[in-house]
Structure formats: C-alpha cells, structure tokens
Amino acid sequence: MISEVVMLNPRSLVEYKIRNVAKRGNPVEVGLLSILISCGGYIERSGGSYPALKGFSSIHRELIVEECKNRLIEEGVIREEDNRLEINYYPTSDDDWNEVIDNIGSILFIEGSRIFREYLAKITSIPECMYALQELCKSGASKETINRISSVIGGTYWDEVRNALEGAGLFGIQLISGKQTYFLFKPLADCVLLKDSNLIRQLCWIYIAQNVHSPGNGMRESECKDHCQSYEVLWAVGYVEKWTWYKLDLVRTTNYGSEIAKTHIKKIIQERKNELESLIKRQPLIRFIWRETFTDQSVRPWFLEWLKIWSWYGGEPSCGKKGSHACLLRDQRIRNKRDEILKTLKDMGLAAKATDYATTRGGETRDIYYIIAPEAVEFINRYLGEDKRPLLPEDIEKKHILFHIFETHGRDETSYRRGLIRLVDLKWECETWGIELEYALKELDKFKGKTLRFDEAAAQYVILDRNEYLNEVRRSYFKPIVEYVLEHILGRWDSLD
C-alpha cells in the first residue's frame, strides 16, 4: 500500500517555518521577523550594521539579537547576502514576493500574538498610548505623524509607545538609499483598524456572547477559541481581555472593543432596518419572546426559556410569578418559528449562540442560549412600544394557567406529595397565579373517577394513574393553547406567505 505524501512547495515551506518560529515563543526571533516583514521582507546593511535593527538591538542587547539572527539563518528562515538580510524565499515575480510577505506577516501576528501582547499591553492600558497607536496605524508611520502624536499626548507617553513598539519589532527606522524612513508592521495596523471584516464579526460575536452568564461577565475561553480563530489578535491589540472568574478562564470585550462593536451593530441595524421591521410584522411570536424576556427587569433575560436551545421542553412555572408561555416550545411547529426568528437575528449579526457555565466543579458547562445584542433588543422594544395587550384571550390564558398547576402536581416527586393534590397547596397556587379556586376545583372534578379520586378526610385529590393523568392534562389544557396559537396567531403570519 502506497501512502500519500503531502508535498511542500517553497511558499508553504516558508509559511511553515515562520509558524514554527512564532510557536517557539522567542520574542527576539519573532521581533526580528516582524522587522523584516515590516520593511518589505528585507533590510539593508549600512556602515557595517543594519539601521532597522538599531532600536530593537538597544532594547534586547546586540549580542542576543545577533545570536537569534544566526539561528534563524542556520534554520533557513532568513538569509544574509549582498549586504542585506531577508526572508529566505526565492519568488517567481514581484507579485509573488509581496503576496508571500503579506501571508507570513499575518501568520506571524496570529501565531505570535501572545508575544506581541506582552509589549502592546503597555500601550492598550493607557488611553494616551492607545490613542497614539490608533493614530499611527490610521495615518501611517512618518515624521509628521509622530510629531503630531507626540505634541497631542506628550513626549513621555510617546516614548512609552515607541519603546513598546520597538521592543516588539513592530516599529522603527530604516535607511533606504541613504534616506531615513519609518516602518510599521502592517498586520498590526490592519488589526487595530479592523480592516478585515472577519475581525469585526468576531469582535461583535464576543461582545454579544459575553452576556451568556450575566451582563459583560464573559464567555468561556475554550468556546471563544472554537468560534473566533483570531480572538488572540483582538486580545493583543486591546479589544478583548482575558480574565479568571472562580478558576474559569473567560474572554470579554474591553471598553475599546465594546465601543467598536456597538458602533458596528448600530450600523447593521440602520442598514437593515426595513428587514428588521418586516421580521417583527411577519413574526407575531416576537411579541411573546420580547414581552417575557426583555421587559421584566427583575429577571436575567439570558436564562429565560424563549432563548434556550432545549433538549427537553419543560416550561415549569416560577414560584411567585405567572409562568412563561415558553411551554409552547414543546410543540415542534412553534419551536420552528422561534428558531427562525432567532436564526434570522443571528444571520444578521445581531445574535449569537453561546454556552452558559457555572462556578461549580471547576466551571462546568450548562445549556446553550441565543444571546441578543442589547442594541437589537432596544430597537425591537422601541418598535413594539408599550403593548399591554394580553398575549392570549382570557379563556385560553386560564387553560394555560391550569395546565401548569395541574401538570406540576402530576410530576411532583416530593415524597410526601407524590401523587397528591392537596387543597391547601391548590389554594395557594390559585392565589399566586390569580385564578379562582372554585374554577380550578370544577375543572379537577372532570378527572374524578378516571385518573383522580377525592379523599375528603385528608382534603386532597389522589392521582390514580400519573401517566394517564398527565396525558389527560395535556390533552385538555395544553393542546387547546397550541391549536389557538397556530390558528389565530401564527396562522395569520402563514397566510401572508
């Protein structure tokens, strides 16, 4: 049997070498490569030394830089000939050379992001320095730009920026034909300015998904890695941050990153306003989702049932408040409509799917939720307005309430109440849910002789067959709710198609 051999070409080989150097994690080696790439793939010798390495060598010591340079030459990553130091690649054309330099620059920045972060953190933590970095990336490295930045933020702050960038090999001075010019690592500038649309999408996804547990708390780093291949680049330039919460490694946006994400999401909403309004008009189920998820300020919306990707749809009522109509999600047809709404928002870039977590057992995962961007929530809230109309007619709502009360007793596993409906409990539940006790008793009487018997001495109903009782409750109370929603609410939407 002949095994297939993956053949490396010169381009893939140099990319492989650059990736390995970055993963090795030597900051001087990575810095040397970033200087070469920043200068177009090569630097020239002048007067027995390389001017482009002057600032870098003064920070890392010339002897160490020389050792790292020689090691990279021995490994065939770079070469030194004709008074120039360059990336070890023989191009077929100028375009081929430029394309390779761009590619290995991106590889180096992504794979070496942890190294670059150590230097950039000195910049991104100080507003004046962050301003300087953004202006430098926006206007380009030139004497005029540097003078302007220095006058705005002050010489002390500019020295901080310059030392950090030079130490990382991201910025410096080179001589071209005897003329002094500045260089700046292009992948850094592209990332700071978010020129890659994928970076913007990933930043917005983190901004939305970080609310999965509580507002702005963050998402698990392991999940972030799966969804955002470039999240460490965003971390390197200070748009996201890593932090530890009860031994959990989390990722969330910084103030800089949040402002950028907010601006972009608002732009999406403005550009797709007509689509959003059409979605709201054509999907009446949005009223249910928004009313019960985003208008009750006493609850954390990311834990409510309408946004949960259920493996089983329980819909248990919460003690002390009327239960959610999310029990409707037990019906596959209604669940499909819900999924359609949330998927549309996700495809627009206004929602994300993320996994909740707990602090127990070292950070175990919980359920998966759709998280809606706060800006999208605000837009839809404004559009819906102060709609106080009941979600269901009174007679259907009564069935909804009784369904939850009666089903709870059928499923109650508490030993002293198993298979029992005590009048004292029923009275309390009717008061809590705002329904007449007499009405509930009248409805329960319909089950007597079939699945219930009444024990007058103990003042309680006894469930004779729990499975049959639950089936009858669902037939009598849940099924009519679903039929009403499908025919009178969602049916109107379907008729528009």
Protein backbone atom coordinates (compact mmCIF):
# COMPACT_ATOMS: atom_id res chain seq x y z
CA MET A 1 0.00 0.00 0.00
CA ILE A 2 1.43 3.38 -1.06
CA SER A 3 0.72 6.19 1.36
CA GLU A 4 0.03 9.68 0.08
CA VAL A 5 2.77 12.20 0.74
CA VAL A 6 1.92 15.85 1.19
CA MET A 7 4.39 17.76 -0.96
CA LEU A 8 5.56 21.14 0.31
CA ASN A 9 6.21 23.92 -2.18
CA PRO A 10 8.59 26.84 -1.47
CA ARG A 11 5.75 29.10 -0.36
CA SER A 12 4.18 26.62 2.05
CA LEU A 13 7.64 25.77 3.39
CA VAL A 14 8.45 29.37 4.34
CA GLU A 15 5.00 29.74 5.92
CA TYR A 16 5.64 26.54 7.90
CA LYS A 17 9.00 27.89 9.12
CA ILE A 18 7.52 31.24 10.17
CA ARG A 19 4.72 29.49 12.05
CA ASN A 20 7.21 27.29 13.91
CA VAL A 21 9.34 30.25 14.97
CA ALA A 22 6.25 32.04 16.28
CA LYS A 23 5.12 28.97 18.22
CA ARG A 24 8.61 28.59 19.69
CA GLY A 25 7.89 31.83 21.50
CA ASN A 26 11.28 33.57 21.48
CA PRO A 27 10.41 37.31 21.47
CA VAL A 28 13.70 38.33 19.85
CA GLU A 29 13.28 35.87 16.97
CA VAL A 30 9.68 36.95 16.45
CA GLY A 31 10.69 40.61 16.64
CA LEU A 32 13.44 40.13 14.07
CA LEU A 33 11.00 38.56 11.64
CA SER A 34 8.41 41.28 12.17
CA ILE A 35 11.04 43.93 11.36
CA LEU A 36 11.99 42.16 8.13
CA ILE A 37 8.35 41.77 7.12
CA SER A 38 7.58 45.40 8.04
CA CYS A 39 10.36 46.54 5.71
CA GLY A 40 9.07 44.56 2.74
CA GLY A 41 10.84 41.30 3.50
CA TYR A 42 14.39 42.60 3.77
CA ILE A 43 16.64 45.22 5.39
CA GLU A 44 19.90 46.68 4.12
CA ARG A 45 23.26 46.96 5.83
CA SER A 46 24.88 50.37 6.13
CA GLY A 47 28.25 51.12 7.70
CA GLY A 48 28.66 47.55 8.93
CA SER A 49 25.26 47.29 10.69
CA TYR A 50 21.54 47.20 9.99
CA PRO A 51 19.93 50.57 10.85
CA ALA A 52 16.49 48.95 11.02
CA LEU A 53 17.70 46.85 13.97
CA LYS A 54 19.23 49.72 15.94
CA GLY A 55 16.32 50.49 18.29
CA PHE A 56 15.44 46.80 18.62
CA SER A 57 19.03 45.83 19.47
CA SER A 58 19.36 48.57 22.08
CA ILE A 59 16.37 47.11 23.92
CA HIS A 60 17.27 43.41 23.61
CA ARG A 61 21.08 43.76 23.56
CA GLU A 62 23.01 43.44 20.34
CA LEU A 63 24.66 40.12 21.25
CA ILE A 64 21.32 38.36 21.82
CA VAL A 65 19.89 39.78 18.59
CA GLU A 66 22.97 38.54 16.70
CA GLU A 67 22.59 35.05 18.20
CA CYS A 68 18.93 34.87 17.21
CA LYS A 69 19.70 36.17 13.73
CA ASN A 70 22.35 33.48 13.20
CA ARG A 71 19.98 30.77 14.47
CA LEU A 72 17.30 31.82 12.01
CA ILE A 73 19.88 31.82 9.20
CA GLU A 74 21.04 28.30 10.16
CA GLU A 75 17.42 27.10 10.14
CA GLY A 76 16.84 28.56 6.68
CA VAL A 77 14.18 31.01 7.84
CA ILE A 78 16.17 34.06 6.71
CA ARG A 79 19.32 34.56 4.65
CA GLU A 80 22.12 37.14 4.62
CA GLU A 81 23.81 38.07 1.38
CA ASP A 82 24.90 41.12 -0.59
CA ASN A 83 24.68 43.42 2.45
CA ARG A 84 21.05 42.62 3.10
CA LEU A 85 19.12 40.41 5.47
CA GLU A 86 15.94 38.95 4.02
CA ILE A 87 13.27 36.28 4.28
CA ASN A 88 14.58 33.06 2.75
CA TYR A 89 12.25 32.78 -0.21
CA TYR A 90 13.02 32.95 -3.93
CA PRO A 91 10.00 34.50 -5.66
CA THR A 92 8.87 33.96 -9.22
CA SER A 93 7.80 37.60 -9.52
CA ASP A 94 7.40 40.80 -7.54
CA ASP A 95 3.73 39.99 -7.00
CA ASP A 96 4.65 36.55 -5.69
CA TRP A 97 7.13 38.11 -3.24
CA ASN A 98 4.64 40.71 -1.99
CA GLU A 99 1.94 38.09 -1.55
CA VAL A 100 4.24 35.81 0.44
CA ILE A 101 5.36 38.69 2.68
CA ASP A 102 1.72 39.61 3.37
CA ASN A 103 0.85 35.98 4.17
CA ILE A 104 3.74 35.33 6.53
CA GLY A 105 3.08 38.67 8.23
CA SER A 106 -0.46 37.56 9.06
CA ILE A 107 0.80 34.15 10.21
CA LEU A 108 3.44 35.71 12.45
CA PHE A 109 0.98 38.15 14.03
CA ILE A 110 -1.64 35.48 14.73
CA GLU A 111 0.73 32.78 15.97
CA GLY A 112 2.90 35.26 17.88
CA SER A 113 0.02 37.26 19.35
CA ARG A 114 0.91 36.24 22.92
CA ILE A 115 4.40 37.68 22.48
CA PHE A 116 3.15 40.88 20.88
CA ARG A 117 0.56 41.21 23.63
CA GLU A 118 3.29 41.49 26.29
CA TYR A 119 4.53 44.67 24.64
CA LEU A 120 1.22 46.06 23.41
CA ALA A 121 -0.33 45.73 26.89
CA LYS A 122 1.88 48.65 27.93
CA ILE A 123 0.08 50.71 25.28
CA THR A 124 -3.51 49.49 25.41
CA SER A 125 -3.80 50.04 29.16
CA ILE A 126 -3.18 53.80 28.86
CA PRO A 127 -5.67 55.99 26.92
CA GLU A 128 -2.98 58.39 25.65
CA CYS A 129 -0.88 55.50 24.38
CA MET A 130 -3.87 53.76 22.80
CA TYR A 131 -4.72 57.00 21.02
CA ALA A 132 -1.16 57.15 19.69
CA LEU A 133 -1.32 53.57 18.42
CA GLN A 134 -4.63 54.15 16.63
CA GLU A 135 -3.41 57.39 15.04
CA LEU A 136 -0.14 55.80 13.98
CA CYS A 137 -2.00 52.92 12.33
CA LYS A 138 -4.51 55.26 10.70
CA SER A 139 -2.11 57.89 9.37
CA GLY A 140 0.96 55.72 8.79
CA ALA A 141 4.44 55.91 10.27
CA SER A 142 6.01 59.20 9.23
CA LYS A 143 7.91 62.02 10.88
CA GLU A 144 4.92 64.35 10.53
CA THR A 145 2.54 61.84 12.13
CA ILE A 146 4.91 61.14 15.00
CA ASN A 147 5.45 64.85 15.71
CA ARG A 148 1.70 65.45 15.72
CA ILE A 149 1.01 62.49 18.04
CA SER A 150 3.81 63.49 20.39
CA SER A 151 2.51 67.05 20.66
CA VAL A 152 -1.01 65.81 21.44
CA ILE A 153 -0.20 63.18 24.08
CA GLY A 154 3.15 64.50 25.34
CA GLY A 155 6.69 63.27 24.87
CA THR A 156 6.61 60.99 27.93
CA TYR A 157 3.68 58.97 26.59
CA TRP A 158 5.15 58.84 23.09
CA ASP A 159 8.38 57.41 24.50
CA GLU A 160 6.28 54.66 26.16
CA VAL A 161 4.62 53.87 22.84
CA ARG A 162 7.85 53.92 20.88
CA ASN A 163 9.74 51.69 23.33
CA ALA A 164 6.92 49.14 23.41
CA LEU A 165 6.57 49.00 19.62
CA GLU A 166 10.33 48.90 19.00
CA GLY A 167 10.74 46.20 21.63
CA ALA A 168 8.23 44.04 19.79
CA GLY A 169 9.80 44.75 16.40
CA LEU A 170 6.60 46.41 15.21
CA PHE A 171 8.01 49.87 14.53
CA GLY A 172 11.34 51.51 13.83
CA ILE A 173 13.57 53.43 11.45
CA GLN A 174 15.33 52.11 8.36
CA LEU A 175 17.57 53.59 5.68
CA ILE A 176 16.54 53.30 2.05
CA SER A 177 19.11 54.69 -0.39
CA GLY A 178 20.54 56.75 2.46
CA LYS A 179 17.16 58.23 3.35
CA GLN A 180 15.69 57.69 6.82
CA THR A 181 12.12 56.32 6.82
CA TYR A 182 9.83 54.79 9.44
CA PHE A 183 8.28 51.35 9.24
CA LEU A 184 5.21 49.86 10.94
CA PHE A 185 4.12 46.22 10.99
CA LYS A 186 1.18 46.11 8.54
CA PRO A 187 -0.77 43.25 10.24
CA LEU A 188 -0.77 45.32 13.44
CA ALA A 189 -2.21 48.35 11.63
CA ASP A 190 -4.80 46.21 9.84
CA CYS A 191 -5.90 44.69 13.13
CA VAL A 192 -6.08 47.97 15.04
CA LEU A 193 -8.15 49.47 12.22
CA LEU A 194 -10.15 46.21 11.83
CA LYS A 195 -9.69 46.21 8.07
CA ASP A 196 -10.55 42.52 7.94
CA SER A 197 -14.35 42.10 8.11
CA ASN A 198 -13.84 38.74 9.81
CA LEU A 199 -12.17 40.51 12.74
CA ILE A 200 -15.15 42.85 13.09
CA ARG A 201 -17.59 39.93 13.02
CA GLN A 202 -15.57 38.07 15.65
CA LEU A 203 -15.35 41.13 17.88
CA CYS A 204 -19.13 41.65 17.64
CA TRP A 205 -19.75 37.97 18.36
CA ILE A 206 -17.67 38.16 21.55
CA TYR A 207 -19.43 41.41 22.54
CA ILE A 208 -22.82 39.69 22.24
CA ALA A 209 -21.90 36.24 23.58
CA GLN A 210 -20.15 37.63 26.67
CA ASN A 211 -23.61 38.17 28.22
CA VAL A 212 -24.43 34.45 28.32
CA HIS A 213 -23.99 34.18 32.10
CA SER A 214 -24.55 37.77 33.22
CA PRO A 215 -24.04 41.18 31.60
CA GLY A 216 -20.46 41.52 30.39
CA ASN A 217 -19.16 38.68 32.55
CA GLY A 218 -17.59 36.96 29.59
CA MET A 219 -17.69 33.67 27.78
CA ARG A 220 -15.53 30.60 28.26
CA GLU A 221 -12.18 30.96 26.52
CA SER A 222 -12.38 27.41 25.18
CA GLU A 223 -15.64 28.24 23.39
CA CYS A 224 -14.22 31.52 22.14
CA LYS A 225 -11.35 29.60 20.50
CA ASP A 226 -13.84 27.43 18.62
CA HIS A 227 -15.79 30.39 17.22
CA CYS A 228 -13.12 33.09 16.84
CA GLN A 229 -9.86 31.94 15.31
CA SER A 230 -8.38 35.43 15.63
CA TYR A 231 -9.54 36.29 19.13
CA GLU A 232 -5.96 36.37 20.45
CA VAL A 233 -5.12 39.02 17.85
CA LEU A 234 -8.02 41.10 19.17
CA TRP A 235 -6.63 40.44 22.64
CA ALA A 236 -3.15 41.55 21.56
CA VAL A 237 -4.39 44.97 20.40
CA GLY A 238 -6.57 45.51 23.47
CA TYR A 239 -10.05 44.99 22.03
CA VAL A 240 -10.79 41.94 24.17
CA GLU A 241 -9.42 40.85 27.52
CA LYS A 242 -8.93 37.57 29.33
CA TRP A 243 -9.77 37.22 32.97
CA THR A 244 -10.32 34.49 35.55
CA TRP A 245 -13.56 34.14 37.50
CA TYR A 246 -13.78 31.34 40.08
CA LYS A 247 -10.99 29.48 38.24
CA LEU A 248 -12.84 29.89 34.93
CA ASP A 249 -10.87 31.35 32.01
CA LEU A 250 -13.17 33.88 30.36
CA VAL A 251 -12.99 36.34 27.46
CA ARG A 252 -14.86 39.63 27.13
CA THR A 253 -14.54 42.90 25.25
CA THR A 254 -12.67 45.85 26.71
CA ASN A 255 -14.14 49.34 26.71
CA TYR A 256 -12.39 49.98 23.38
CA GLY A 257 -13.72 46.76 21.88
CA SER A 258 -17.23 47.31 23.23
CA GLU A 259 -17.48 50.78 21.69
CA ILE A 260 -16.32 49.48 18.30
CA ALA A 261 -18.77 46.56 18.45
CA LYS A 262 -21.66 48.82 19.49
CA THR A 263 -20.97 51.17 16.60
CA HIS A 264 -20.87 48.31 14.11
CA ILE A 265 -24.05 46.68 15.44
CA LYS A 266 -25.90 50.00 15.31
CA LYS A 267 -24.72 50.33 11.71
CA ILE A 268 -26.15 46.88 10.92
CA ILE A 269 -29.48 47.86 12.49
CA GLN A 270 -29.60 51.09 10.50
CA GLU A 271 -28.70 49.38 7.22
CA ARG A 272 -31.16 46.51 7.75
CA LYS A 273 -33.91 48.46 9.46
CA ASN A 274 -36.50 47.52 6.84
CA GLU A 275 -35.67 43.82 7.17
CA LEU A 276 -35.96 44.02 10.94
CA GLU A 277 -39.31 45.78 10.80
CA SER A 278 -40.57 43.23 8.29
CA LEU A 279 -39.44 40.40 10.58
CA ILE A 280 -41.33 41.92 13.52
CA LYS A 281 -44.51 42.40 11.47
CA ARG A 282 -44.41 38.94 9.95
CA GLN A 283 -43.46 37.03 13.10
CA PRO A 284 -46.10 37.58 15.81
CA LEU A 285 -44.23 35.18 18.09
CA ILE A 286 -41.74 38.01 18.68
CA ARG A 287 -44.35 39.60 20.99
CA PHE A 288 -44.20 36.51 23.23
CA ILE A 289 -40.40 36.35 23.20
CA TRP A 290 -39.80 40.04 23.86
CA ARG A 291 -42.62 40.52 26.39
CA GLU A 292 -41.40 37.68 28.58
CA THR A 293 -37.67 38.07 28.06
CA PHE A 294 -36.73 41.72 27.83
CA THR A 295 -39.41 43.78 29.54
CA ASP A 296 -39.25 42.20 33.00
CA GLN A 297 -36.32 43.94 34.69
CA SER A 298 -36.47 41.64 37.73
CA VAL A 299 -35.05 38.66 35.85
CA ARG A 300 -31.87 37.94 33.94
CA PRO A 301 -33.09 37.58 30.35
CA TRP A 302 -30.30 35.26 29.19
CA PHE A 303 -31.69 32.49 31.40
CA LEU A 304 -35.30 32.61 30.21
CA GLU A 305 -36.76 29.76 28.27
CA TRP A 306 -37.55 31.52 25.00
CA LEU A 307 -33.82 31.86 24.23
CA LYS A 308 -32.75 28.43 25.39
CA ILE A 309 -31.87 25.65 22.98
CA TRP A 310 -33.75 22.94 24.80
CA SER A 311 -33.04 19.24 24.74
CA TRP A 312 -36.37 18.84 26.54
CA TYR A 313 -39.05 21.49 26.85
CA GLY A 314 -40.27 21.54 30.44
CA GLY A 315 -41.69 25.02 30.81
CA GLU A 316 -42.01 24.85 34.59
CA PRO A 317 -43.61 27.96 36.16
CA SER A 318 -41.54 30.06 38.52
CA CYS A 319 -42.83 30.27 42.07
CA GLY A 320 -44.32 33.69 42.83
CA LYS A 321 -44.97 34.89 39.26
CA LYS A 322 -47.03 33.76 36.34
CA GLY A 323 -45.24 31.19 34.25
CA SER A 324 -43.72 31.83 30.87
CA HIS A 325 -45.60 30.92 27.71
CA ALA A 326 -42.37 29.24 26.62
CA CYS A 327 -44.16 25.96 27.33
CA LEU A 328 -45.40 26.46 23.75
CA LEU A 329 -41.92 25.47 22.61
CA ARG A 330 -42.81 21.85 23.33
CA ASP A 331 -44.66 21.96 20.04
CA GLN A 332 -42.21 21.47 17.18
CA ARG A 333 -44.10 23.80 14.84
CA ILE A 334 -43.95 26.70 17.27
CA ARG A 335 -40.36 25.89 18.11
CA ASN A 336 -39.50 26.09 14.41
CA LYS A 337 -40.97 29.60 14.28
CA ARG A 338 -38.95 30.61 17.33
CA ASP A 339 -35.79 29.18 15.79
CA GLU A 340 -36.49 31.01 12.54
CA ILE A 341 -36.71 34.36 14.35
CA LEU A 342 -33.53 33.86 16.36
CA LYS A 343 -31.59 32.41 13.44
CA THR A 344 -32.53 35.43 11.32
CA LEU A 345 -31.19 37.76 14.01
CA LYS A 346 -28.04 35.63 14.26
CA ASP A 347 -27.50 35.69 10.49
CA MET A 348 -27.82 39.49 10.58
CA GLY A 349 -25.03 39.63 13.16
CA LEU A 350 -27.43 40.71 15.92
CA ALA A 351 -27.42 37.49 17.97
CA ALA A 352 -25.03 34.72 18.97
CA LYS A 353 -25.26 31.20 20.35
CA ALA A 354 -23.19 30.57 23.46
CA THR A 355 -22.97 28.07 26.30
CA ASP A 356 -23.76 29.07 29.86
CA TYR A 357 -21.43 27.94 32.64
CA ALA A 358 -21.36 27.50 36.39
CA THR A 359 -18.68 28.05 39.00
CA THR A 360 -19.07 24.54 40.40
CA ARG A 361 -16.80 21.61 39.54
CA GLY A 362 -14.15 23.84 38.06
CA GLY A 363 -16.52 25.55 35.66
CA GLU A 364 -18.94 23.01 34.24
CA THR A 365 -20.96 23.92 31.16
CA ARG A 366 -24.73 24.31 31.22
CA ASP A 367 -27.27 25.00 28.48
CA ILE A 368 -26.84 26.74 25.14
CA TYR A 369 -28.68 30.03 24.61
CA TYR A 370 -29.32 32.55 21.90
CA ILE A 371 -27.99 35.89 23.14
CA ILE A 372 -29.44 39.01 21.51
CA ALA A 373 -27.32 42.15 21.07
CA PRO A 374 -28.50 44.83 23.54
CA GLU A 375 -28.82 47.30 20.66
CA ALA A 376 -31.16 44.93 18.79
CA VAL A 377 -33.21 44.41 21.97
CA GLU A 378 -33.55 48.16 22.33
CA PHE A 379 -34.60 48.62 18.69
CA ILE A 380 -37.30 45.94 18.83
CA ASN A 381 -38.53 47.20 22.20
CA ARG A 382 -38.98 50.65 20.71
CA TYR A 383 -40.77 49.24 17.69
CA LEU A 384 -43.17 47.13 19.75
CA GLY A 385 -43.82 50.05 22.10
CA GLU A 386 -45.83 49.79 25.31
CA ASP A 387 -48.02 46.93 24.12
CA LYS A 388 -50.05 45.88 27.16
CA ARG A 389 -52.47 43.60 25.33
CA PRO A 390 -52.75 40.08 26.77
CA LEU A 391 -50.77 37.54 24.81
CA LEU A 392 -53.74 35.14 24.89
CA PRO A 393 -57.51 35.61 25.30
CA GLU A 394 -58.82 35.16 28.84
CA ASP A 395 -60.32 31.70 28.29
CA ILE A 396 -57.12 30.39 26.66
CA GLU A 397 -54.96 32.00 29.35
CA LYS A 398 -56.98 30.19 32.03
CA LYS A 399 -56.21 26.90 30.32
CA HIS A 400 -52.55 27.89 30.24
CA ILE A 401 -52.54 28.56 34.00
CA LEU A 402 -54.37 25.35 34.86
CA PHE A 403 -52.05 23.39 32.61
CA HIS A 404 -49.04 24.50 34.65
CA ILE A 405 -50.74 24.00 38.02
CA PHE A 406 -52.17 20.57 37.23
CA GLU A 407 -49.11 19.28 35.40
CA THR A 408 -46.82 20.28 38.26
CA HIS A 409 -48.75 18.03 40.65
CA GLY A 410 -48.56 15.13 38.24
CA ARG A 411 -44.79 15.46 38.02
CA ASP A 412 -44.11 16.36 41.67
CA GLU A 413 -41.50 13.94 43.06
CA THR A 414 -41.61 15.27 46.64
CA SER A 415 -42.15 12.15 48.75
CA TYR A 416 -44.92 13.48 50.97
CA ARG A 417 -46.83 14.93 48.00
CA ARG A 418 -46.21 12.33 45.33
CA GLY A 419 -49.44 11.55 43.53
CA LEU A 420 -51.41 14.07 45.62
CA ILE A 421 -53.14 17.41 45.00
CA ARG A 422 -53.68 18.91 48.44
CA LEU A 423 -56.36 21.58 48.68
CA VAL A 424 -54.08 23.77 50.78
CA ASP A 425 -51.47 23.70 48.01
CA LEU A 426 -54.06 24.25 45.31
CA LYS A 427 -55.47 27.28 47.11
CA TRP A 428 -52.03 28.86 47.42
CA GLU A 429 -51.24 28.20 43.75
CA CYS A 430 -54.54 29.70 42.57
CA GLU A 431 -53.87 32.84 44.61
CA THR A 432 -50.35 33.05 43.21
CA TRP A 433 -51.48 32.66 39.61
CA GLY A 434 -54.55 34.86 40.00
CA ILE A 435 -57.20 32.28 39.18
CA GLU A 436 -60.35 31.34 41.13
CA LEU A 437 -60.08 28.26 43.34
CA GLU A 438 -63.68 27.33 42.52
CA TYR A 439 -62.86 27.29 38.81
CA ALA A 440 -59.83 25.05 39.37
CA LEU A 441 -61.85 22.65 41.55
CA LYS A 442 -64.60 22.49 38.93
CA GLU A 443 -62.03 21.57 36.30
CA LEU A 444 -60.42 18.95 38.54
CA ASP A 445 -63.79 17.32 39.12
CA LYS A 446 -63.79 16.37 35.43
CA PHE A 447 -60.93 13.97 36.20
CA LYS A 448 -62.70 12.23 39.11
CA GLY A 449 -63.34 8.59 38.52
CA LYS A 450 -60.87 8.47 35.65
CA THR A 451 -57.48 9.48 36.94
CA LEU A 452 -58.40 11.12 40.28
CA ARG A 453 -60.33 10.38 43.43
CA PHE A 454 -61.07 12.84 46.24
CA ASP A 455 -60.09 11.99 49.82
CA GLU A 456 -62.39 14.17 51.95
CA ALA A 457 -60.74 13.22 55.25
CA ALA A 458 -57.33 14.37 54.05
CA ALA A 459 -58.72 17.23 51.92
CA GLN A 460 -56.78 16.19 48.86
CA TYR A 461 -57.08 14.59 45.45
CA VAL A 462 -55.28 11.32 44.88
CA ILE A 463 -53.84 10.67 41.42
CA LEU A 464 -54.71 7.11 40.45
CA ASP A 465 -52.53 6.82 37.35
CA ARG A 466 -49.87 9.51 36.95
CA ASN A 467 -49.14 8.84 33.27
CA GLU A 468 -52.79 8.85 32.29
CA TYR A 469 -53.40 11.92 34.45
CA LEU A 470 -50.58 13.84 32.75
CA ASN A 471 -51.77 12.79 29.30
CA GLU A 472 -55.29 13.99 30.11
CA VAL A 473 -53.99 17.32 31.46
CA ARG A 474 -52.01 17.90 28.28
CA ARG A 475 -54.92 16.92 26.05
CA SER A 476 -57.39 19.13 27.91
CA TYR A 477 -55.25 22.21 28.59
CA PHE A 478 -52.02 22.29 26.58
CA LYS A 479 -53.36 21.13 23.22
CA PRO A 480 -56.04 23.89 23.01
CA ILE A 481 -53.38 26.56 23.68
CA VAL A 482 -51.17 25.25 20.88
CA GLU A 483 -54.11 24.99 18.49
CA TYR A 484 -55.15 28.56 19.24
CA VAL A 485 -51.63 29.95 18.71
CA LEU A 486 -51.15 28.03 15.47
CA GLU A 487 -54.53 29.02 14.04
CA HIS A 488 -55.16 32.53 15.33
CA ILE A 489 -51.64 33.93 15.82
CA LEU A 490 -49.12 32.11 13.66
CA GLY A 491 -51.81 31.22 11.13
CA ARG A 492 -52.16 34.87 10.22
CA TRP A 493 -48.43 35.00 9.54
CA ASP A 494 -48.56 31.89 7.34
CA SER A 495 -51.45 33.32 5.36
CA LEU A 496 -49.20 36.20 4.27
CA ASP A 497 -46.77 33.87 2.50
